[in-house]
PDB file of N, CA and C in Angstrom:
ATOM      1  N   MET A   1      40.613  74.873  -2.007  1.00  0.00           N
ATOM      2  CA  MET A   1      40.960  76.249  -2.236  1.00  0.00           C
ATOM      3  C   MET A   1      41.361  76.865  -0.909  1.00  0.00           C
ATOM      4  N   TYR A   2      42.532  77.391  -0.871  1.00  0.00           N
ATOM      5  CA  TYR A   2      43.086  77.933   0.360  1.00  0.00           C
ATOM      6  C   TYR A   2      42.367  79.214   0.759  1.00  0.00           C
ATOM      7  N   GLY A   3      42.043  79.327   2.038  1.00  0.00           N
ATOM      8  CA  GLY A   3      41.463  80.558   2.552  1.00  0.00           C
ATOM      9  C   GLY A   3      39.967  80.695   2.364  1.00  0.00           C
ATOM     10  N   THR A   4      39.294  79.656   1.919  1.00  0.00           N
ATOM     11  CA  THR A   4      37.847  79.714   1.762  1.00  0.00           C
ATOM     12  C   THR A   4      37.215  78.599   2.573  1.00  0.00           C
ATOM     13  N   ASN A   5      35.943  78.750   2.847  1.00  0.00           N
ATOM     14  CA  ASN A   5      35.267  77.709   3.611  1.00  0.00           C
ATOM     15  C   ASN A   5      34.668  76.654   2.686  1.00  0.00           C
ATOM     16  N   GLN A   6      34.181  75.584   3.270  1.00  0.00           N
ATOM     17  CA  GLN A   6      33.642  74.456   2.502  1.00  0.00           C
ATOM     18  C   GLN A   6      32.451  74.868   1.646  1.00  0.00           C
ATOM     19  N   PHE A   7      31.586  75.756   2.180  1.00  0.00           N
ATOM     20  CA  PHE A   7      30.421  76.206   1.420  1.00  0.00           C
ATOM     21  C   PHE A   7      30.844  76.922   0.141  1.00  0.00           C
ATOM     22  N   GLU A   8      31.825  77.796   0.230  1.00  0.00           N
ATOM     23  CA  GLU A   8      32.317  78.511  -0.949  1.00  0.00           C
ATOM     24  C   GLU A   8      32.926  77.544  -1.951  1.00  0.00           C
ATOM     25  N   ASN A   9      33.633  76.534  -1.474  1.00  0.00           N
ATOM     26  CA  ASN A   9      34.219  75.536  -2.367  1.00  0.00           C
ATOM     27  C   ASN A   9      33.133  74.780  -3.118  1.00  0.00           C
ATOM     28  N   GLU A  10      32.093  74.357  -2.413  1.00  0.00           N
ATOM     29  CA  GLU A  10      31.004  73.616  -3.049  1.00  0.00           C
ATOM     30  C   GLU A  10      30.259  74.492  -4.048  1.00  0.00           C
ATOM     31  N   THR A  11      30.050  75.757  -3.707  1.00  0.00           N
ATOM     32  CA  THR A  11      29.372  76.672  -4.621  1.00  0.00           C
ATOM     33  C   THR A  11      30.192  76.861  -5.891  1.00  0.00           C
ATOM     34  N   ALA A  12      31.478  77.050  -5.753  1.00  0.00           N
ATOM     35  CA  ALA A  12      32.351  77.198  -6.924  1.00  0.00           C
ATOM     36  C   ALA A  12      32.316  75.936  -7.771  1.00  0.00           C
ATOM     37  N   LYS A  13      32.340  74.798  -7.124  1.00  0.00           N
ATOM     38  CA  LYS A  13      32.293  73.516  -7.838  1.00  0.00           C
ATOM     39  C   LYS A  13      30.984  73.398  -8.621  1.00  0.00           C
ATOM     40  N   GLN A  14      29.864  73.763  -8.003  1.00  0.00           N
ATOM     41  CA  GLN A  14      28.574  73.705  -8.683  1.00  0.00           C
ATOM     42  C   GLN A  14      28.534  74.642  -9.887  1.00  0.00           C
ATOM     43  N   MET A  15      29.105  75.816  -9.743  1.00  0.00           N
ATOM     44  CA  MET A  15      29.122  76.770 -10.853  1.00  0.00           C
ATOM     45  C   MET A  15      29.923  76.221 -12.028  1.00  0.00           C
ATOM     46  N   ILE A  16      31.045  75.608 -11.738  1.00  0.00           N
ATOM     47  CA  ILE A  16      31.876  75.024 -12.794  1.00  0.00           C
ATOM     48  C   ILE A  16      31.124  73.906 -13.493  1.00  0.00           C
ATOM     49  N   ILE A  17      30.536  73.011 -12.721  1.00  0.00           N
ATOM     50  CA  ILE A  17      29.800  71.878 -13.292  1.00  0.00           C
ATOM     51  C   ILE A  17      28.661  72.365 -14.175  1.00  0.00           C
ATOM     52  N   THR A  18      27.934  73.369 -13.721  1.00  0.00           N
ATOM     53  CA  THR A  18      26.787  73.874 -14.469  1.00  0.00           C
ATOM     54  C   THR A  18      27.203  74.582 -15.750  1.00  0.00           C
ATOM     55  N   ARG A  19      28.237  75.371 -15.685  1.00  0.00           N
ATOM     56  CA  ARG A  19      28.644  76.154 -16.856  1.00  0.00           C
ATOM     57  C   ARG A  19      29.400  75.343 -17.906  1.00  0.00           C
ATOM     58  N   LEU A  20      29.843  74.162 -17.535  1.00  0.00           N
ATOM     59  CA  LEU A  20      30.566  73.305 -18.479  1.00  0.00           C
ATOM     60  C   LEU A  20      29.813  71.986 -18.622  1.00  0.00           C
ATOM     61  N   PRO A  21      28.770  71.956 -19.462  1.00  0.00           N
ATOM     62  CA  PRO A  21      27.898  70.782 -19.530  1.00  0.00           C
ATOM     63  C   PRO A  21      28.577  69.502 -20.016  1.00  0.00           C
ATOM     64  N   TYR A  22      29.700  69.604 -20.692  1.00  0.00           N
ATOM     65  CA  TYR A  22      30.376  68.405 -21.196  1.00  0.00           C
ATOM     66  C   TYR A  22      31.509  67.945 -20.286  1.00  0.00           C
ATOM     67  N   LEU A  23      31.714  68.644 -19.188  1.00  0.00           N
ATOM     68  CA  LEU A  23      32.732  68.250 -18.224  1.00  0.00           C
ATOM     69  C   LEU A  23      32.294  66.960 -17.533  1.00  0.00           C
ATOM     70  N   THR A  24      33.146  65.939 -17.533  1.00  0.00           N
ATOM     71  CA  THR A  24      32.793  64.661 -16.906  1.00  0.00           C
ATOM     72  C   THR A  24      33.565  64.412 -15.619  1.00  0.00           C
ATOM     73  N   ARG A  25      34.701  65.082 -15.459  1.00  0.00           N
ATOM     74  CA  ARG A  25      35.516  64.936 -14.252  1.00  0.00           C
ATOM     75  C   ARG A  25      35.976  66.313 -13.802  1.00  0.00           C
ATOM     76  N   LEU A  26      36.057  66.469 -12.485  1.00  0.00           N
ATOM     77  CA  LEU A  26      36.572  67.700 -11.907  1.00  0.00           C
ATOM     78  C   LEU A  26      37.547  67.302 -10.815  1.00  0.00           C
ATOM     79  N   ASN A  27      38.760  67.785 -10.916  1.00  0.00           N
ATOM     80  CA  ASN A  27      39.831  67.385  -9.988  1.00  0.00           C
ATOM     81  C   ASN A  27      39.987  65.866  -9.948  1.00  0.00           C
ATOM     82  N   ARG A  28      39.913  65.263 -11.108  1.00  0.00           N
ATOM     83  CA  ARG A  28      40.072  63.817 -11.304  1.00  0.00           C
ATOM     84  C   ARG A  28      38.969  62.975 -10.657  1.00  0.00           C
ATOM     85  N   VAL A  29      37.852  63.602 -10.319  1.00  0.00           N
ATOM     86  CA  VAL A  29      36.724  62.885  -9.724  1.00  0.00           C
ATOM     87  C   VAL A  29      35.553  62.934 -10.706  1.00  0.00           C
ATOM     88  N   LEU A  30      34.946  61.770 -10.950  1.00  0.00           N
ATOM     89  CA  LEU A  30      33.811  61.666 -11.858  1.00  0.00           C
ATOM     90  C   LEU A  30      32.628  62.474 -11.323  1.00  0.00           C
ATOM     91  N   ILE A  31      31.978  63.224 -12.206  1.00  0.00           N
ATOM     92  CA  ILE A  31      30.793  63.997 -11.840  1.00  0.00           C
ATOM     93  C   ILE A  31      29.582  63.103 -12.096  1.00  0.00           C
ATOM     94  N   SER A  32      28.850  62.753 -11.040  1.00  0.00           N
ATOM     95  CA  SER A  32      27.693  61.864 -11.185  1.00  0.00           C
ATOM     96  C   SER A  32      26.509  62.627 -11.781  1.00  0.00           C
ATOM     97  N   ARG A  33      25.551  61.875 -12.311  1.00  0.00           N
ATOM     98  CA  ARG A  33      24.337  62.492 -12.855  1.00  0.00           C
ATOM     99  C   ARG A  33      23.606  63.291 -11.776  1.00  0.00           C
ATOM    100  N   ASN A  34      23.530  62.702 -10.575  1.00  0.00           N
ATOM    101  CA  ASN A  34      22.834  63.379  -9.478  1.00  0.00           C
ATOM    102  C   ASN A  34      23.542  64.660  -9.069  1.00  0.00           C
ATOM    103  N   GLU A  35      24.868  64.630  -9.049  1.00  0.00           N
ATOM    104  CA  GLU A  35      25.623  65.833  -8.691  1.00  0.00           C
ATOM    105  C   GLU A  35      25.406  66.929  -9.729  1.00  0.00           C
ATOM    106  N   ARG A  36      25.432  66.561 -11.019  1.00  0.00           N
ATOM    107  CA  ARG A  36      25.207  67.543 -12.085  1.00  0.00           C
ATOM    108  C   ARG A  36      23.789  68.105 -11.988  1.00  0.00           C
ATOM    109  N   ARG A  37      22.817  67.237 -11.805  1.00  0.00           N
ATOM    110  CA  ARG A  37      21.422  67.675 -11.718  1.00  0.00           C
ATOM    111  C   ARG A  37      21.240  68.640 -10.544  1.00  0.00           C
ATOM    112  N   GLY A  38      21.783  68.293  -9.393  1.00  0.00           N
ATOM    113  CA  GLY A  38      21.683  69.171  -8.226  1.00  0.00           C
ATOM    114  C   GLY A  38      22.341  70.518  -8.462  1.00  0.00           C
ATOM    115  N   ALA A  39      23.503  70.504  -9.093  1.00  0.00           N
ATOM    116  CA  ALA A  39      24.219  71.749  -9.391  1.00  0.00           C
ATOM    117  C   ALA A  39      23.409  72.617 -10.351  1.00  0.00           C
ATOM    118  N   GLU A  40      22.812  71.986 -11.364  1.00  0.00           N
ATOM    119  CA  GLU A  40      22.036  72.736 -12.350  1.00  0.00           C
ATOM    120  C   GLU A  40      20.780  73.346 -11.729  1.00  0.00           C
ATOM    121  N   ILE A  41      20.101  72.591 -10.894  1.00  0.00           N
ATOM    122  CA  ILE A  41      18.886  73.104 -10.256  1.00  0.00           C
ATOM    123  C   ILE A  41      19.228  74.224  -9.275  1.00  0.00           C
ATOM    124  N   ASP A  42      20.289  74.069  -8.520  1.00  0.00           N
ATOM    125  CA  ASP A  42      20.727  75.143  -7.615  1.00  0.00           C
ATOM    126  C   ASP A  42      21.068  76.408  -8.393  1.00  0.00           C
ATOM    127  N   TYR A  43      21.715  76.243  -9.538  1.00  0.00           N
ATOM    128  CA  TYR A  43      22.079  77.368 -10.398  1.00  0.00           C
ATOM    129  C   TYR A  43      20.815  78.088 -10.888  1.00  0.00           C
ATOM    130  N   LEU A  44      19.825  77.318 -11.339  1.00  0.00           N
ATOM    131  CA  LEU A  44      18.572  77.916 -11.801  1.00  0.00           C
ATOM    132  C   LEU A  44      17.936  78.757 -10.698  1.00  0.00           C
ATOM    133  N   GLN A  45      17.880  78.214  -9.504  1.00  0.00           N
ATOM    134  CA  GLN A  45      17.232  78.921  -8.403  1.00  0.00           C
ATOM    135  C   GLN A  45      18.056  80.116  -7.925  1.00  0.00           C
ATOM    136  N   ARG A  46      19.365  79.970  -7.949  1.00  0.00           N
ATOM    137  CA  ARG A  46      20.259  81.049  -7.501  1.00  0.00           C
ATOM    138  C   ARG A  46      20.059  82.322  -8.334  1.00  0.00           C
ATOM    139  N   TYR A  47      19.824  82.163  -9.636  1.00  0.00           N
ATOM    140  CA  TYR A  47      19.696  83.309 -10.537  1.00  0.00           C
ATOM    141  C   TYR A  47      18.264  83.525 -11.018  1.00  0.00           C
ATOM    142  N   ALA A  48      17.286  82.948 -10.335  1.00  0.00           N
ATOM    143  CA  ALA A  48      15.889  83.035 -10.763  1.00  0.00           C
ATOM    144  C   ALA A  48      15.391  84.475 -10.833  1.00  0.00           C
ATOM    145  N   GLN A  49      15.683  85.278  -9.822  1.00  0.00           N
ATOM    146  CA  GLN A  49      15.185  86.657  -9.826  1.00  0.00           C
ATOM    147  C   GLN A  49      15.721  87.428 -11.027  1.00  0.00           C
ATOM    148  N   ASP A  50      16.996  87.269 -11.321  1.00  0.00           N
ATOM    149  CA  ASP A  50      17.578  87.942 -12.486  1.00  0.00           C
ATOM    150  C   ASP A  50      16.912  87.468 -13.772  1.00  0.00           C
ATOM    151  N   TYR A  51      16.612  86.188 -13.847  1.00  0.00           N
ATOM    152  CA  TYR A  51      15.941  85.631 -15.026  1.00  0.00           C
ATOM    153  C   TYR A  51      14.559  86.259 -15.195  1.00  0.00           C
ATOM    154  N   PHE A  52      13.798  86.321 -14.112  1.00  0.00           N
ATOM    155  CA  PHE A  52      12.449  86.870 -14.204  1.00  0.00           C
ATOM    156  C   PHE A  52      12.456  88.374 -14.458  1.00  0.00           C
ATOM    157  N   ASP A  53      13.528  89.048 -14.118  1.00  0.00           N
ATOM    158  CA  ASP A  53      13.657  90.474 -14.425  1.00  0.00           C
ATOM    159  C   ASP A  53      13.916  90.707 -15.908  1.00  0.00           C
ATOM    160  N   GLN A  54      14.212  89.638 -16.660  1.00  0.00           N
ATOM    161  CA  GLN A  54      14.439  89.693 -18.106  1.00  0.00           C
ATOM    162  C   GLN A  54      15.515  90.701 -18.500  1.00  0.00           C
ATOM    163  N   ASN A  55      16.580  90.671 -17.805  1.00  0.00           N
ATOM    164  CA  ASN A  55      17.714  91.544 -18.071  1.00  0.00           C
ATOM    165  C   ASN A  55      18.532  90.956 -19.222  1.00  0.00           C
ATOM    166  N   LEU A  56      18.724  91.719 -20.284  1.00  0.00           N
ATOM    167  CA  LEU A  56      19.466  91.234 -21.446  1.00  0.00           C
ATOM    168  C   LEU A  56      20.900  90.869 -21.083  1.00  0.00           C
ATOM    169  N   ASP A  57      21.516  91.641 -20.199  1.00  0.00           N
ATOM    170  CA  ASP A  57      22.869  91.310 -19.752  1.00  0.00           C
ATOM    171  C   ASP A  57      22.897  89.940 -19.089  1.00  0.00           C
ATOM    172  N   PHE A  58      21.845  89.613 -18.348  1.00  0.00           N
ATOM    173  CA  PHE A  58      21.770  88.307 -17.690  1.00  0.00           C
ATOM    174  C   PHE A  58      21.788  87.191 -18.731  1.00  0.00           C
ATOM    175  N   ILE A  59      20.986  87.319 -19.763  1.00  0.00           N
ATOM    176  CA  ILE A  59      20.917  86.292 -20.808  1.00  0.00           C
ATOM    177  C   ILE A  59      22.277  86.124 -21.477  1.00  0.00           C
ATOM    178  N   ASN A  60      22.973  87.215 -21.711  1.00  0.00           N
ATOM    179  CA  ASN A  60      24.297  87.134 -22.333  1.00  0.00           C
ATOM    180  C   ASN A  60      25.336  86.517 -21.402  1.00  0.00           C
ATOM    181  N   GLU A  61      25.219  86.766 -20.107  1.00  0.00           N
ATOM    182  CA  GLU A  61      26.178  86.233 -19.134  1.00  0.00           C
ATOM    183  C   GLU A  61      25.906  84.775 -18.780  1.00  0.00           C
ATOM    184  N   HIS A  62      24.664  84.354 -18.872  1.00  0.00           N
ATOM    185  CA  HIS A  62      24.262  83.003 -18.463  1.00  0.00           C
ATOM    186  C   HIS A  62      23.660  82.264 -19.658  1.00  0.00           C
ATOM    187  N   ARG A  63      24.465  82.019 -20.644  1.00  0.00           N
ATOM    188  CA  ARG A  63      23.993  81.398 -21.882  1.00  0.00           C
ATOM    189  C   ARG A  63      23.419  79.999 -21.665  1.00  0.00           C
ATOM    190  N   GLN A  64      23.824  79.338 -20.631  1.00  0.00           N
ATOM    191  CA  GLN A  64      23.380  77.978 -20.335  1.00  0.00           C
ATOM    192  C   GLN A  64      21.993  77.968 -19.683  1.00  0.00           C
ATOM    193  N   TYR A  65      21.525  79.106 -19.213  1.00  0.00           N
ATOM    194  CA  TYR A  65      20.299  79.169 -18.416  1.00  0.00           C
ATOM    195  C   TYR A  65      19.078  78.633 -19.165  1.00  0.00           C
ATOM    196  N   GLN A  66      18.863  79.070 -20.396  1.00  0.00           N
ATOM    197  CA  GLN A  66      17.688  78.616 -21.149  1.00  0.00           C
ATOM    198  C   GLN A  66      17.759  77.120 -21.421  1.00  0.00           C
ATOM    199  N   THR A  67      18.938  76.605 -21.689  1.00  0.00           N
ATOM    200  CA  THR A  67      19.107  75.162 -21.886  1.00  0.00           C
ATOM    201  C   THR A  67      18.707  74.410 -20.625  1.00  0.00           C
ATOM    202  N   LEU A  68      19.098  74.935 -19.467  1.00  0.00           N
ATOM    203  CA  LEU A  68      18.752  74.291 -18.200  1.00  0.00           C
ATOM    204  C   LEU A  68      17.252  74.376 -17.923  1.00  0.00           C
ATOM    205  N   ILE A  69      16.614  75.457 -18.314  1.00  0.00           N
ATOM    206  CA  ILE A  69      15.160  75.569 -18.165  1.00  0.00           C
ATOM    207  C   ILE A  69      14.478  74.521 -19.029  1.00  0.00           C
ATOM    208  N   ASN A  70      14.952  74.346 -20.236  1.00  0.00           N
ATOM    209  CA  ASN A  70      14.385  73.328 -21.119  1.00  0.00           C
ATOM    210  C   ASN A  70      14.554  71.932 -20.529  1.00  0.00           C
ATOM    211  N   LYS A  71      15.629  71.717 -19.820  1.00  0.00           N
ATOM    212  CA  LYS A  71      15.944  70.408 -19.244  1.00  0.00           C
ATOM    213  C   LYS A  71      15.196  70.154 -17.935  1.00  0.00           C
ATOM    214  N   HIS A  72      15.154  71.147 -17.036  1.00  0.00           N
ATOM    215  CA  HIS A  72      14.624  70.956 -15.683  1.00  0.00           C
ATOM    216  C   HIS A  72      13.323  71.711 -15.405  1.00  0.00           C
ATOM    217  N   GLY A  73      12.933  72.601 -16.290  1.00  0.00           N
ATOM    218  CA  GLY A  73      11.753  73.424 -16.052  1.00  0.00           C
ATOM    219  C   GLY A  73      12.150  74.778 -15.483  1.00  0.00           C
ATOM    220  N   GLU A  74      11.211  75.703 -15.550  1.00  0.00           N
ATOM    221  CA  GLU A  74      11.467  77.063 -15.079  1.00  0.00           C
ATOM    222  C   GLU A  74      11.613  77.074 -13.556  1.00  0.00           C
ATOM    223  N   PRO A  75      12.510  77.902 -13.032  1.00  0.00           N
ATOM    224  CA  PRO A  75      12.676  77.967 -11.574  1.00  0.00           C
ATOM    225  C   PRO A  75      11.449  78.586 -10.912  1.00  0.00           C
ATOM    226  N   ILE A  76      11.348  78.381  -9.626  1.00  0.00           N
ATOM    227  CA  ILE A  76      10.271  78.990  -8.850  1.00  0.00           C
ATOM    228  C   ILE A  76      10.548  80.485  -8.742  1.00  0.00           C
ATOM    229  N   ARG A  77       9.523  81.273  -9.024  1.00  0.00           N
ATOM    230  CA  ARG A  77       9.694  82.728  -8.947  1.00  0.00           C
ATOM    231  C   ARG A  77       9.911  83.121  -7.487  1.00  0.00           C
ATOM    232  N   PRO A  78      11.021  83.814  -7.221  1.00  0.00           N
ATOM    233  CA  PRO A  78      11.289  84.222  -5.834  1.00  0.00           C
ATOM    234  C   PRO A  78      10.253  85.221  -5.346  1.00  0.00           C
ATOM    235  N   ASN A  79       9.929  85.145  -4.070  1.00  0.00           N
ATOM    236  CA  ASN A  79       9.029  86.101  -3.444  1.00  0.00           C
ATOM    237  C   ASN A  79       9.844  87.351  -3.143  1.00  0.00           C
ATOM    238  N   THR A  80       9.556  88.430  -3.818  1.00  0.00           N
ATOM    239  CA  THR A  80      10.362  89.644  -3.671  1.00  0.00           C
ATOM    240  C   THR A  80      10.120  90.342  -2.339  1.00  0.00           C
ATOM    241  N   ASN A  81       9.127  89.899  -1.566  1.00  0.00           N
ATOM    242  CA  ASN A  81       8.876  90.483  -0.251  1.00  0.00           C
ATOM    243  C   ASN A  81       9.775  89.878   0.818  1.00  0.00           C
ATOM    244  N   GLN A  82      10.418  88.771   0.501  1.00  0.00           N
ATOM    245  CA  GLN A  82      11.275  88.109   1.467  1.00  0.00           C
ATOM    246  C   GLN A  82      12.702  88.620   1.344  1.00  0.00           C
ATOM    247  N   VAL A  83      13.427  88.518   2.435  1.00  0.00           N
ATOM    248  CA  VAL A  83      14.841  88.868   2.438  1.00  0.00           C
ATOM    249  C   VAL A  83      15.585  87.794   1.660  1.00  0.00           C
ATOM    250  N   ARG A  84      16.495  88.201   0.778  1.00  0.00           N
ATOM    251  CA  ARG A  84      17.275  87.249  -0.012  1.00  0.00           C
ATOM    252  C   ARG A  84      18.689  87.200   0.532  1.00  0.00           C
ATOM    253  N   TYR A  85      19.193  86.011   0.693  1.00  0.00           N
ATOM    254  CA  TYR A  85      20.551  85.817   1.173  1.00  0.00           C
ATOM    255  C   TYR A  85      21.393  85.261   0.038  1.00  0.00           C
ATOM    256  N   PHE A  86      22.518  85.870  -0.210  1.00  0.00           N
ATOM    257  CA  PHE A  86      23.426  85.394  -1.241  1.00  0.00           C
ATOM    258  C   PHE A  86      24.732  84.994  -0.592  1.00  0.00           C
ATOM    259  N   TYR A  87      25.180  83.823  -0.911  1.00  0.00           N
ATOM    260  CA  TYR A  87      26.443  83.313  -0.393  1.00  0.00           C
ATOM    261  C   TYR A  87      27.398  83.183  -1.562  1.00  0.00           C
ATOM    262  N   THR A  88      28.061  84.261  -1.892  1.00  0.00           N
ATOM    263  CA  THR A  88      28.993  84.218  -3.018  1.00  0.00           C
ATOM    264  C   THR A  88      30.397  84.436  -2.545  1.00  0.00           C
TER     265      THR A  88
END
């Protein structure tokens, strides 16, 4: 992706992999089980605070979230006293 850094590219790739559970290839490259698992777990943790806030809009926007919880377990509850960094 032109004009973005490697971290942003990887984050976008993880979001695509997580939101499309039946996707097997991305940019003609096979998505490994480990890559999918890592992307899904990162996704769970990235949106954990929103999940624990029980926002109805969140559930509607992240329909895959409950499926991922069933698959990998509930994310670790973020410590709200700590500074949160978002790289979007």
